Amino acid sequence: MYPEELACAYATLILPDEGIPVTAEKIATLVKAANVPVESYWPGLFAKLSGKRNIEDLVLNAGSGGAVSIAAPGVAEAAAPAAAAPPPPEEKKKEEPKEESDDEGLFNLFD
């Protein structure tokens, strides 16, 4: 992500957190206050994005597996049982103690 996009993304996250409506002017003001040079179209694009989606819901549900909900019909039903099953516990291998030899740290040309 480019610095101007990142600055606009941060501004889009900051504004609703402070209870301020997300507009292109407010995003541009925040970015200007941060001394980040931004092309004039970026704040408008991010303002339109935030108008289509509730930013707080996006942040709160970021790790909830929303990708399944936007899949084609039938895919979500097929993926649901797999998502419900807990992953198997990982088995940890025990390290065997290493035998010490007399020539440790020396080069052995015949290994």
PDB file of N, CA and C in Angstrom:
ATOM      1  N   MET A   1       0.851  -1.162   0.000  1.00  0.00           N
ATOM      2  CA  MET A   1       0.000   0.000   0.000  1.00  0.00           C
ATOM      3  C   MET A   1       0.902   1.232   0.000  1.00  0.00           C
ATOM      4  N   TYR A   2       0.560   2.206  -0.781  1.00  0.00           N
ATOM      5  CA  TYR A   2       1.329   3.435  -0.891  1.00  0.00           C
ATOM      6  C   TYR A   2       1.043   4.338   0.305  1.00  0.00           C
ATOM      7  N   PRO A   3       1.977   5.259   0.622  1.00  0.00           N
ATOM      8  CA  PRO A   3       1.786   6.123   1.803  1.00  0.00           C
ATOM      9  C   PRO A   3       0.496   6.932   1.763  1.00  0.00           C
ATOM     10  N   GLU A   4       0.116   7.430   0.575  1.00  0.00           N
ATOM     11  CA  GLU A   4      -1.119   8.232   0.533  1.00  0.00           C
ATOM     12  C   GLU A   4      -2.355   7.371   0.775  1.00  0.00           C
ATOM     13  N   GLU A   5      -2.340   6.131   0.287  1.00  0.00           N
ATOM     14  CA  GLU A   5      -3.455   5.229   0.551  1.00  0.00           C
ATOM     15  C   GLU A   5      -3.508   4.861   2.034  1.00  0.00           C
ATOM     16  N   LEU A   6      -2.359   4.606   2.602  1.00  0.00           N
ATOM     17  CA  LEU A   6      -2.288   4.233   4.002  1.00  0.00           C
ATOM     18  C   LEU A   6      -2.750   5.382   4.894  1.00  0.00           C
ATOM     19  N   ALA A   7      -2.354   6.596   4.560  1.00  0.00           N
ATOM     20  CA  ALA A   7      -2.779   7.758   5.341  1.00  0.00           C
ATOM     21  C   ALA A   7      -4.292   7.929   5.279  1.00  0.00           C
ATOM     22  N   CYS A   8      -4.868   7.745   4.102  1.00  0.00           N
ATOM     23  CA  CYS A   8      -6.326   7.856   3.966  1.00  0.00           C
ATOM     24  C   CYS A   8      -7.033   6.721   4.703  1.00  0.00           C
ATOM     25  N   ALA A   9      -6.447   5.518   4.684  1.00  0.00           N
ATOM     26  CA  ALA A   9      -7.043   4.390   5.395  1.00  0.00           C
ATOM     27  C   ALA A   9      -7.040   4.652   6.901  1.00  0.00           C
ATOM     28  N   TYR A  10      -5.927   5.158   7.414  1.00  0.00           N
ATOM     29  CA  TYR A  10      -5.870   5.482   8.835  1.00  0.00           C
ATOM     30  C   TYR A  10      -6.874   6.570   9.188  1.00  0.00           C
ATOM     31  N   ALA A  11      -6.977   7.586   8.348  1.00  0.00           N
ATOM     32  CA  ALA A  11      -7.934   8.658   8.601  1.00  0.00           C
ATOM     33  C   ALA A  11      -9.361   8.112   8.595  1.00  0.00           C
ATOM     34  N   THR A  12      -9.644   7.168   7.692  1.00  0.00           N
ATOM     35  CA  THR A  12     -10.975   6.563   7.618  1.00  0.00           C
ATOM     36  C   THR A  12     -11.279   5.752   8.875  1.00  0.00           C
ATOM     37  N   LEU A  13     -10.267   5.205   9.516  1.00  0.00           N
ATOM     38  CA  LEU A  13     -10.459   4.478  10.760  1.00  0.00           C
ATOM     39  C   LEU A  13     -10.546   5.414  11.972  1.00  0.00           C
ATOM     40  N   ILE A  14      -9.815   6.512  11.931  1.00  0.00           N
ATOM     41  CA  ILE A  14      -9.781   7.446  13.062  1.00  0.00           C
ATOM     42  C   ILE A  14     -11.101   8.206  13.198  1.00  0.00           C
ATOM     43  N   LEU A  15     -11.647   8.672  12.090  1.00  0.00           N
ATOM     44  CA  LEU A  15     -12.830   9.528  12.147  1.00  0.00           C
ATOM     45  C   LEU A  15     -14.022   8.869  12.849  1.00  0.00           C
ATOM     46  N   PRO A  16     -14.448   7.653  12.483  1.00  0.00           N
ATOM     47  CA  PRO A  16     -15.588   7.061  13.190  1.00  0.00           C
ATOM     48  C   PRO A  16     -15.267   6.754  14.653  1.00  0.00           C
ATOM     49  N   ASP A  17     -14.001   6.488  14.950  1.00  0.00           N
ATOM     50  CA  ASP A  17     -13.608   6.218  16.325  1.00  0.00           C
ATOM     51  C   ASP A  17     -13.808   7.453  17.199  1.00  0.00           C
ATOM     52  N   GLU A  18     -13.663   8.622  16.614  1.00  0.00           N
ATOM     53  CA  GLU A  18     -13.873   9.877  17.326  1.00  0.00           C
ATOM     54  C   GLU A  18     -15.309  10.392  17.211  1.00  0.00           C
ATOM     55  N   GLY A  19     -16.168   9.655  16.518  1.00  0.00           N
ATOM     56  CA  GLY A  19     -17.560  10.060  16.367  1.00  0.00           C
ATOM     57  C   GLY A  19     -17.774  11.128  15.308  1.00  0.00           C
ATOM     58  N   ILE A  20     -16.824  11.271  14.406  1.00  0.00           N
ATOM     59  CA  ILE A  20     -16.905  12.278  13.342  1.00  0.00           C
ATOM     60  C   ILE A  20     -17.333  11.575  12.059  1.00  0.00           C
ATOM     61  N   PRO A  21     -18.305  12.132  11.325  1.00  0.00           N
ATOM     62  CA  PRO A  21     -18.704  11.502  10.066  1.00  0.00           C
ATOM     63  C   PRO A  21     -17.555  11.506   9.064  1.00  0.00           C
ATOM     64  N   VAL A  22     -17.450  10.420   8.311  1.00  0.00           N
ATOM     65  CA  VAL A  22     -16.356  10.269   7.344  1.00  0.00           C
ATOM     66  C   VAL A  22     -16.754  10.964   6.046  1.00  0.00           C
ATOM     67  N   THR A  23     -16.048  12.041   5.748  1.00  0.00           N
ATOM     68  CA  THR A  23     -16.249  12.765   4.492  1.00  0.00           C
ATOM     69  C   THR A  23     -14.877  12.987   3.865  1.00  0.00           C
ATOM     70  N   ALA A  24     -14.888  13.300   2.579  1.00  0.00           N
ATOM     71  CA  ALA A  24     -13.636  13.549   1.877  1.00  0.00           C
ATOM     72  C   ALA A  24     -12.897  14.729   2.496  1.00  0.00           C
ATOM     73  N   GLU A  25     -13.642  15.751   2.918  1.00  0.00           N
ATOM     74  CA  GLU A  25     -13.021  16.926   3.515  1.00  0.00           C
ATOM     75  C   GLU A  25     -12.347  16.584   4.843  1.00  0.00           C
ATOM     76  N   LYS A  26     -13.004  15.764   5.666  1.00  0.00           N
ATOM     77  CA  LYS A  26     -12.434  15.390   6.965  1.00  0.00           C
ATOM     78  C   LYS A  26     -11.196  14.512   6.790  1.00  0.00           C
ATOM     79  N   ILE A  27     -11.246  13.601   5.818  1.00  0.00           N
ATOM     80  CA  ILE A  27     -10.087  12.756   5.544  1.00  0.00           C
ATOM     81  C   ILE A  27      -8.922  13.623   5.066  1.00  0.00           C
ATOM     82  N   ALA A  28      -9.201  14.553   4.165  1.00  0.00           N
ATOM     83  CA  ALA A  28      -8.162  15.438   3.645  1.00  0.00           C
ATOM     84  C   ALA A  28      -7.564  16.294   4.759  1.00  0.00           C
ATOM     85  N   THR A  29      -8.388  16.740   5.708  1.00  0.00           N
ATOM     86  CA  THR A  29      -7.906  17.543   6.825  1.00  0.00           C
ATOM     87  C   THR A  29      -6.956  16.740   7.709  1.00  0.00           C
ATOM     88  N   LEU A  30      -7.334  15.500   8.016  1.00  0.00           N
ATOM     89  CA  LEU A  30      -6.473  14.650   8.841  1.00  0.00           C
ATOM     90  C   LEU A  30      -5.148  14.338   8.151  1.00  0.00           C
ATOM     91  N   VAL A  31      -5.223  14.038   6.873  1.00  0.00           N
ATOM     92  CA  VAL A  31      -4.014  13.698   6.121  1.00  0.00           C
ATOM     93  C   VAL A  31      -3.097  14.910   6.018  1.00  0.00           C
ATOM     94  N   LYS A  32      -3.686  16.073   5.821  1.00  0.00           N
ATOM     95  CA  LYS A  32      -2.896  17.297   5.748  1.00  0.00           C
ATOM     96  C   LYS A  32      -2.234  17.589   7.092  1.00  0.00           C
ATOM     97  N   ALA A  33      -2.951  17.338   8.181  1.00  0.00           N
ATOM     98  CA  ALA A  33      -2.389  17.548   9.517  1.00  0.00           C
ATOM     99  C   ALA A  33      -1.232  16.594   9.788  1.00  0.00           C
ATOM    100  N   ALA A  34      -1.243  15.434   9.145  1.00  0.00           N
ATOM    101  CA  ALA A  34      -0.165  14.458   9.305  1.00  0.00           C
ATOM    102  C   ALA A  34       1.006  14.742   8.363  1.00  0.00           C
ATOM    103  N   ASN A  35       0.896  15.784   7.556  1.00  0.00           N
ATOM    104  CA  ASN A  35       1.946  16.169   6.601  1.00  0.00           C
ATOM    105  C   ASN A  35       2.252  15.073   5.589  1.00  0.00           C
ATOM    106  N   VAL A  36       1.201  14.417   5.102  1.00  0.00           N
ATOM    107  CA  VAL A  36       1.361  13.392   4.071  1.00  0.00           C
ATOM    108  C   VAL A  36       0.787  13.961   2.780  1.00  0.00           C
ATOM    109  N   PRO A  37       1.613  14.089   1.741  1.00  0.00           N
ATOM    110  CA  PRO A  37       1.076  14.589   0.468  1.00  0.00           C
ATOM    111  C   PRO A  37       0.193  13.529  -0.182  1.00  0.00           C
ATOM    112  N   VAL A  38      -1.018  13.938  -0.538  1.00  0.00           N
ATOM    113  CA  VAL A  38      -2.012  13.006  -1.087  1.00  0.00           C
ATOM    114  C   VAL A  38      -2.636  13.616  -2.336  1.00  0.00           C
ATOM    115  N   GLU A  39      -2.801  12.787  -3.357  1.00  0.00           N
ATOM    116  CA  GLU A  39      -3.530  13.240  -4.548  1.00  0.00           C
ATOM    117  C   GLU A  39      -4.979  13.554  -4.142  1.00  0.00           C
ATOM    118  N   SER A  40      -5.580  14.490  -4.821  1.00  0.00           N
ATOM    119  CA  SER A  40      -6.899  14.989  -4.407  1.00  0.00           C
ATOM    120  C   SER A  40      -8.024  13.953  -4.512  1.00  0.00           C
ATOM    121  N   TYR A  41      -7.841  12.893  -5.289  1.00  0.00           N
ATOM    122  CA  TYR A  41      -8.914  11.923  -5.458  1.00  0.00           C
ATOM    123  C   TYR A  41      -8.959  10.864  -4.353  1.00  0.00           C
ATOM    124  N   TRP A  42      -7.871  10.663  -3.598  1.00  0.00           N
ATOM    125  CA  TRP A  42      -7.847   9.615  -2.577  1.00  0.00           C
ATOM    126  C   TRP A  42      -8.868   9.824  -1.460  1.00  0.00           C
ATOM    127  N   PRO A  43      -8.975  11.016  -0.875  1.00  0.00           N
ATOM    128  CA  PRO A  43      -9.971  11.179   0.193  1.00  0.00           C
ATOM    129  C   PRO A  43     -11.398  10.900  -0.273  1.00  0.00           C
ATOM    130  N   GLY A  44     -11.717  11.286  -1.498  1.00  0.00           N
ATOM    131  CA  GLY A  44     -13.059  11.016  -2.027  1.00  0.00           C
ATOM    132  C   GLY A  44     -13.332   9.529  -2.192  1.00  0.00           C
ATOM    133  N   LEU A  45     -12.326   8.789  -2.660  1.00  0.00           N
ATOM    134  CA  LEU A  45     -12.496   7.343  -2.818  1.00  0.00           C
ATOM    135  C   LEU A  45     -12.720   6.652  -1.473  1.00  0.00           C
ATOM    136  N   PHE A  46     -11.944   7.036  -0.477  1.00  0.00           N
ATOM    137  CA  PHE A  46     -12.104   6.423   0.834  1.00  0.00           C
ATOM    138  C   PHE A  46     -13.411   6.841   1.495  1.00  0.00           C
ATOM    139  N   ALA A  47     -13.861   8.066   1.241  1.00  0.00           N
ATOM    140  CA  ALA A  47     -15.148   8.502   1.781  1.00  0.00           C
ATOM    141  C   ALA A  47     -16.291   7.698   1.160  1.00  0.00           C
ATOM    142  N   LYS A  48     -16.211   7.424  -0.148  1.00  0.00           N
ATOM    143  CA  LYS A  48     -17.235   6.602  -0.798  1.00  0.00           C
ATOM    144  C   LYS A  48     -17.227   5.184  -0.249  1.00  0.00           C
ATOM    145  N   LEU A  49     -16.040   4.649  -0.016  1.00  0.00           N
ATOM    146  CA  LEU A  49     -15.922   3.308   0.550  1.00  0.00           C
ATOM    147  C   LEU A  49     -16.581   3.237   1.917  1.00  0.00           C
ATOM    148  N   SER A  50     -16.315   4.221   2.740  1.00  0.00           N
ATOM    149  CA  SER A  50     -16.883   4.190   4.087  1.00  0.00           C
ATOM    150  C   SER A  50     -18.390   4.433   4.065  1.00  0.00           C
ATOM    151  N   GLY A  51     -18.899   5.066   3.010  1.00  0.00           N
ATOM    152  CA  GLY A  51     -20.343   5.263   2.894  1.00  0.00           C
ATOM    153  C   GLY A  51     -21.070   3.976   2.556  1.00  0.00           C
ATOM    154  N   LYS A  52     -20.380   3.042   1.886  1.00  0.00           N
ATOM    155  CA  LYS A  52     -21.001   1.766   1.511  1.00  0.00           C
ATOM    156  C   LYS A  52     -20.931   0.740   2.631  1.00  0.00           C
ATOM    157  N   ARG A  53     -19.951   0.855   3.509  1.00  0.00           N
ATOM    158  CA  ARG A  53     -19.757  -0.114   4.593  1.00  0.00           C
ATOM    159  C   ARG A  53     -19.636   0.613   5.922  1.00  0.00           C
ATOM    160  N   ASN A  54     -20.077  -0.033   6.973  1.00  0.00           N
ATOM    161  CA  ASN A  54     -19.895   0.508   8.300  1.00  0.00           C
ATOM    162  C   ASN A  54     -18.485   0.152   8.753  1.00  0.00           C
ATOM    163  N   ILE A  55     -17.652   1.149   8.940  1.00  0.00           N
ATOM    164  CA  ILE A  55     -16.239   0.932   9.253  1.00  0.00           C
ATOM    165  C   ILE A  55     -16.090   0.213  10.595  1.00  0.00           C
ATOM    166  N   GLU A  56     -16.894   0.559  11.580  1.00  0.00           N
ATOM    167  CA  GLU A  56     -16.792  -0.092  12.886  1.00  0.00           C
ATOM    168  C   GLU A  56     -17.087  -1.585  12.776  1.00  0.00           C
ATOM    169  N   ASP A  57     -18.061  -1.962  11.963  1.00  0.00           N
ATOM    170  CA  ASP A  57     -18.363  -3.381  11.763  1.00  0.00           C
ATOM    171  C   ASP A  57     -17.215  -4.095  11.063  1.00  0.00           C
ATOM    172  N   LEU A  58     -16.586  -3.424  10.103  1.00  0.00           N
ATOM    173  CA  LEU A  58     -15.442  -4.025   9.414  1.00  0.00           C
ATOM    174  C   LEU A  58     -14.302  -4.294  10.378  1.00  0.00           C
ATOM    175  N   VAL A  59     -14.047  -3.355  11.269  1.00  0.00           N
ATOM    176  CA  VAL A  59     -12.948  -3.512  12.218  1.00  0.00           C
ATOM    177  C   VAL A  59     -13.281  -4.606  13.233  1.00  0.00           C
ATOM    178  N   LEU A  60     -14.490  -4.591  13.758  1.00  0.00           N
ATOM    179  CA  LEU A  60     -14.863  -5.558  14.782  1.00  0.00           C
ATOM    180  C   LEU A  60     -14.971  -6.977  14.247  1.00  0.00           C
ATOM    181  N   ASN A  61     -15.314  -7.134  12.987  1.00  0.00           N
ATOM    182  CA  ASN A  61     -15.495  -8.462  12.402  1.00  0.00           C
ATOM    183  C   ASN A  61     -14.360  -8.854  11.471  1.00  0.00           C
ATOM    184  N   ALA A  62     -13.208  -8.254  11.628  1.00  0.00           N
ATOM    185  CA  ALA A  62     -12.091  -8.505  10.719  1.00  0.00           C
ATOM    186  C   ALA A  62     -11.647  -9.958  10.739  1.00  0.00           C
ATOM    187  N   GLY A  63     -11.631 -10.598  11.878  1.00  0.00           N
ATOM    188  CA  GLY A  63     -11.149 -11.966  11.967  1.00  0.00           C
ATOM    189  C   GLY A  63     -12.239 -13.001  12.096  1.00  0.00           C
ATOM    190  N   SER A  64     -13.471 -12.651  11.766  1.00  0.00           N
ATOM    191  CA  SER A  64     -14.577 -13.574  11.994  1.00  0.00           C
ATOM    192  C   SER A  64     -14.861 -14.487  10.812  1.00  0.00           C
ATOM    193  N   GLY A  65     -14.045 -14.485   9.793  1.00  0.00           N
ATOM    194  CA  GLY A  65     -14.265 -15.373   8.659  1.00  0.00           C
ATOM    195  C   GLY A  65     -15.355 -14.897   7.734  1.00  0.00           C
ATOM    196  N   GLY A  66     -15.425 -13.627   7.491  1.00  0.00           N
ATOM    197  CA  GLY A  66     -16.452 -13.065   6.630  1.00  0.00           C
ATOM    198  C   GLY A  66     -16.320 -13.475   5.176  1.00  0.00           C
ATOM    199  N   ALA A  67     -15.206 -14.048   4.788  1.00  0.00           N
ATOM    200  CA  ALA A  67     -14.999 -14.436   3.395  1.00  0.00           C
ATOM    201  C   ALA A  67     -15.975 -15.528   2.986  1.00  0.00           C
ATOM    202  N   VAL A  68     -16.375 -16.373   3.905  1.00  0.00           N
ATOM    203  CA  VAL A  68     -17.319 -17.441   3.582  1.00  0.00           C
ATOM    204  C   VAL A  68     -18.693 -16.864   3.279  1.00  0.00           C
ATOM    205  N   SER A  69     -19.057 -15.779   3.960  1.00  0.00           N
ATOM    206  CA  SER A  69     -20.392 -15.223   3.775  1.00  0.00           C
ATOM    207  C   SER A  69     -20.567 -14.562   2.409  1.00  0.00           C
ATOM    208  N   ILE A  70     -19.484 -14.192   1.734  1.00  0.00           N
ATOM    209  CA  ILE A  70     -19.629 -13.565   0.423  1.00  0.00           C
ATOM    210  C   ILE A  70     -19.384 -14.566  -0.708  1.00  0.00           C
ATOM    211  N   ALA A  71     -19.207 -15.839  -0.352  1.00  0.00           N
ATOM    212  CA  ALA A  71     -18.965 -16.859  -1.366  1.00  0.00           C
ATOM    213  C   ALA A  71     -20.252 -17.168  -2.120  1.00  0.00           C
ATOM    214  N   ALA A  72     -20.110 -17.895  -3.206  1.00  0.00           N
ATOM    215  CA  ALA A  72     -21.263 -18.277  -4.021  1.00  0.00           C
ATOM    216  C   ALA A  72     -22.199 -19.172  -3.220  1.00  0.00           C
ATOM    217  N   PRO A  73     -23.496 -19.173  -3.537  1.00  0.00           N
ATOM    218  CA  PRO A  73     -24.433 -20.040  -2.827  1.00  0.00           C
ATOM    219  C   PRO A  73     -24.001 -21.501  -2.935  1.00  0.00           C
ATOM    220  N   GLY A  74     -24.106 -22.211  -1.849  1.00  0.00           N
ATOM    221  CA  GLY A  74     -23.716 -23.608  -1.829  1.00  0.00           C
ATOM    222  C   GLY A  74     -22.314 -23.798  -1.286  1.00  0.00           C
ATOM    223  N   VAL A  75     -21.456 -22.836  -1.510  1.00  0.00           N
ATOM    224  CA  VAL A  75     -20.089 -22.942  -1.007  1.00  0.00           C
ATOM    225  C   VAL A  75     -20.087 -22.745   0.501  1.00  0.00           C
ATOM    226  N   ALA A  76     -20.888 -21.799   0.984  1.00  0.00           N
ATOM    227  CA  ALA A  76     -20.927 -21.527   2.419  1.00  0.00           C
ATOM    228  C   ALA A  76     -21.450 -22.747   3.181  1.00  0.00           C
ATOM    229  N   GLU A  77     -22.463 -23.432   2.629  1.00  0.00           N
ATOM    230  CA  GLU A  77     -23.009 -24.608   3.299  1.00  0.00           C
ATOM    231  C   GLU A  77     -21.985 -25.736   3.326  1.00  0.00           C
ATOM    232  N   ALA A  78     -21.202 -25.882   2.257  1.00  0.00           N
ATOM    233  CA  ALA A  78     -20.203 -26.936   2.201  1.00  0.00           C
ATOM    234  C   ALA A  78     -19.030 -26.630   3.130  1.00  0.00           C
ATOM    235  N   ALA A  79     -18.702 -25.354   3.310  1.00  0.00           N
ATOM    236  CA  ALA A  79     -17.572 -24.979   4.141  1.00  0.00           C
ATOM    237  C   ALA A  79     -17.927 -24.917   5.617  1.00  0.00           C
ATOM    238  N   ALA A  80     -19.203 -24.811   5.951  1.00  0.00           N
ATOM    239  CA  ALA A  80     -19.611 -24.658   7.346  1.00  0.00           C
ATOM    240  C   ALA A  80     -19.204 -25.834   8.222  1.00  0.00           C
ATOM    241  N   PRO A  81     -19.407 -27.107   7.836  1.00  0.00           N
ATOM    242  CA  PRO A  81     -18.984 -28.188   8.723  1.00  0.00           C
ATOM    243  C   PRO A  81     -17.479 -28.206   8.957  1.00  0.00           C
ATOM    244  N   ALA A  82     -16.712 -27.873   7.962  1.00  0.00           N
ATOM    245  CA  ALA A  82     -15.265 -27.866   8.122  1.00  0.00           C
ATOM    246  C   ALA A  82     -14.831 -26.757   9.071  1.00  0.00           C
ATOM    247  N   ALA A  83     -15.522 -25.636   9.025  1.00  0.00           N
ATOM    248  CA  ALA A  83     -15.172 -24.518   9.889  1.00  0.00           C
ATOM    249  C   ALA A  83     -15.567 -24.794  11.337  1.00  0.00           C
ATOM    250  N   ALA A  84     -16.594 -25.624  11.567  1.00  0.00           N
ATOM    251  CA  ALA A  84     -17.077 -25.885  12.906  1.00  0.00           C
ATOM    252  C   ALA A  84     -16.171 -26.855  13.664  1.00  0.00           C
ATOM    253  N   ALA A  85     -15.464 -27.719  12.966  1.00  0.00           N
ATOM    254  CA  ALA A  85     -14.613 -28.718  13.622  1.00  0.00           C
ATOM    255  C   ALA A  85     -13.348 -28.059  14.152  1.00  0.00           C
ATOM    256  N   PRO A  86     -13.004 -28.314  15.420  1.00  0.00           N
ATOM    257  CA  PRO A  86     -11.776 -27.718  15.957  1.00  0.00           C
ATOM    258  C   PRO A  86     -10.555 -28.404  15.366  1.00  0.00           C
ATOM    259  N   PRO A  87      -9.474 -27.675  15.226  1.00  0.00           N
ATOM    260  CA  PRO A  87      -8.263 -28.273  14.656  1.00  0.00           C
ATOM    261  C   PRO A  87      -7.677 -29.299  15.627  1.00  0.00           C
ATOM    262  N   PRO A  88      -7.044 -30.339  15.103  1.00  0.00           N
ATOM    263  CA  PRO A  88      -6.465 -31.344  15.986  1.00  0.00           C
ATOM    264  C   PRO A  88      -5.280 -30.746  16.755  1.00  0.00           C
ATOM    265  N   PRO A  89      -5.065 -31.207  17.990  1.00  0.00           N
ATOM    266  CA  PRO A  89      -3.951 -30.660  18.760  1.00  0.00           C
ATOM    267  C   PRO A  89      -2.617 -31.064  18.141  1.00  0.00           C
ATOM    268  N   GLU A  90      -1.677 -30.151  18.196  1.00  0.00           N
ATOM    269  CA  GLU A  90      -0.369 -30.415  17.614  1.00  0.00           C
ATOM    270  C   GLU A  90       0.447 -31.291  18.562  1.00  0.00           C
ATOM    271  N   GLU A  91       1.154 -32.242  17.983  1.00  0.00           N
ATOM    272  CA  GLU A  91       2.012 -33.094  18.781  1.00  0.00           C
ATOM    273  C   GLU A  91       3.410 -32.504  18.791  1.00  0.00           C
ATOM    274  N   LYS A  92       3.970 -32.414  19.979  1.00  0.00           N
ATOM    275  CA  LYS A  92       5.321 -31.873  20.103  1.00  0.00           C
ATOM    276  C   LYS A  92       6.298 -33.033  20.197  1.00  0.00           C
ATOM    277  N   LYS A  93       7.315 -32.957  19.373  1.00  0.00           N
ATOM    278  CA  LYS A  93       8.344 -33.992  19.397  1.00  0.00           C
ATOM    279  C   LYS A  93       9.356 -33.662  20.486  1.00  0.00           C
ATOM    280  N   LYS A  94       9.739 -34.685  21.213  1.00  0.00           N
ATOM    281  CA  LYS A  94      10.756 -34.497  22.232  1.00  0.00           C
ATOM    282  C   LYS A  94      12.126 -34.584  21.577  1.00  0.00           C
ATOM    283  N   GLU A  95      12.980 -33.644  21.951  1.00  0.00           N
ATOM    284  CA  GLU A  95      14.333 -33.666  21.414  1.00  0.00           C
ATOM    285  C   GLU A  95      15.144 -34.708  22.156  1.00  0.00           C
ATOM    286  N   GLU A  96      15.833 -35.533  21.388  1.00  0.00           N
ATOM    287  CA  GLU A  96      16.698 -36.527  21.997  1.00  0.00           C
ATOM    288  C   GLU A  96      17.995 -35.862  22.405  1.00  0.00           C
ATOM    289  N   PRO A  97      18.521 -36.231  23.562  1.00  0.00           N
ATOM    290  CA  PRO A  97      19.784 -35.615  23.976  1.00  0.00           C
ATOM    291  C   PRO A  97      20.895 -35.960  22.998  1.00  0.00           C
ATOM    292  N   LYS A  98      21.665 -34.967  22.661  1.00  0.00           N
ATOM    293  CA  LYS A  98      22.745 -35.140  21.700  1.00  0.00           C
ATOM    294  C   LYS A  98      23.977 -35.680  22.427  1.00  0.00           C
ATOM    295  N   GLU A  99      24.559 -36.680  21.839  1.00  0.00           N
ATOM    296  CA  GLU A  99      25.752 -37.263  22.447  1.00  0.00           C
ATOM    297  C   GLU A  99      26.942 -36.362  22.176  1.00  0.00           C
ATOM    298  N   GLU A 100      27.732 -36.165  23.195  1.00  0.00           N
ATOM    299  CA  GLU A 100      28.920 -35.346  23.048  1.00  0.00           C
ATOM    300  C   GLU A 100      30.083 -36.213  22.596  1.00  0.00           C
ATOM    301  N   SER A 101      30.904 -35.666  21.750  1.00  0.00           N
ATOM    302  CA  SER A 101      32.071 -36.401  21.293  1.00  0.00           C
ATOM    303  C   SER A 101      33.330 -35.630  21.652  1.00  0.00           C
ATOM    304  N   ASP A 102      34.447 -36.300  21.546  1.00  0.00           N
ATOM    305  CA  ASP A 102      35.718 -35.683  21.905  1.00  0.00           C
ATOM    306  C   ASP A 102      36.141 -34.598  20.916  1.00  0.00           C
ATOM    307  N   ASP A 103      35.740 -34.746  19.650  1.00  0.00           N
ATOM    308  CA  ASP A 103      36.187 -33.807  18.620  1.00  0.00           C
ATOM    309  C   ASP A 103      35.114 -32.772  18.277  1.00  0.00           C
ATOM    310  N   GLU A 104      34.306 -32.395  19.253  1.00  0.00           N
ATOM    311  CA  GLU A 104      33.269 -31.385  19.016  1.00  0.00           C
ATOM    312  C   GLU A 104      33.919 -30.057  18.671  1.00  0.00           C
ATOM    313  N   GLY A 105      33.412 -29.394  17.674  1.00  0.00           N
ATOM    314  CA  GLY A 105      33.930 -28.099  17.265  1.00  0.00           C
ATOM    315  C   GLY A 105      35.107 -28.196  16.317  1.00  0.00           C
ATOM    316  N   LEU A 106      35.628 -29.356  16.076  1.00  0.00           N
ATOM    317  CA  LEU A 106      36.749 -29.523  15.141  1.00  0.00           C
ATOM    318  C   LEU A 106      36.201 -29.980  13.800  1.00  0.00           C
ATOM    319  N   PHE A 107      36.882 -29.643  12.752  1.00  0.00           N
ATOM    320  CA  PHE A 107      36.463 -30.085  11.434  1.00  0.00           C
ATOM    321  C   PHE A 107      36.828 -31.553  11.255  1.00  0.00           C
ATOM    322  N   ASN A 108      35.887 -32.298  10.706  1.00  0.00           N
ATOM    323  CA  ASN A 108      36.144 -33.688  10.405  1.00  0.00           C
ATOM    324  C   ASN A 108      36.024 -33.842   8.899  1.00  0.00           C
ATOM    325  N   LEU A 109      37.088 -34.088   8.247  1.00  0.00           N
ATOM    326  CA  LEU A 109      37.099 -34.122   6.796  1.00  0.00           C
ATOM    327  C   LEU A 109      36.410 -35.354   6.227  1.00  0.00           C
ATOM    328  N   PHE A 110      36.182 -36.355   7.022  1.00  0.00           N
ATOM    329  CA  PHE A 110      35.638 -37.593   6.509  1.00  0.00           C
ATOM    330  C   PHE A 110      34.169 -37.805   6.868  1.00  0.00           C
ATOM    331  N   ASP A 111      33.433 -36.782   7.293  1.00  0.00           N
ATOM    332  CA  ASP A 111      32.003 -36.911   7.601  1.00  0.00           C
ATOM    333  C   ASP A 111      31.183 -36.948   6.375  1.00  0.00           C
TER     334      ASP A 111
END
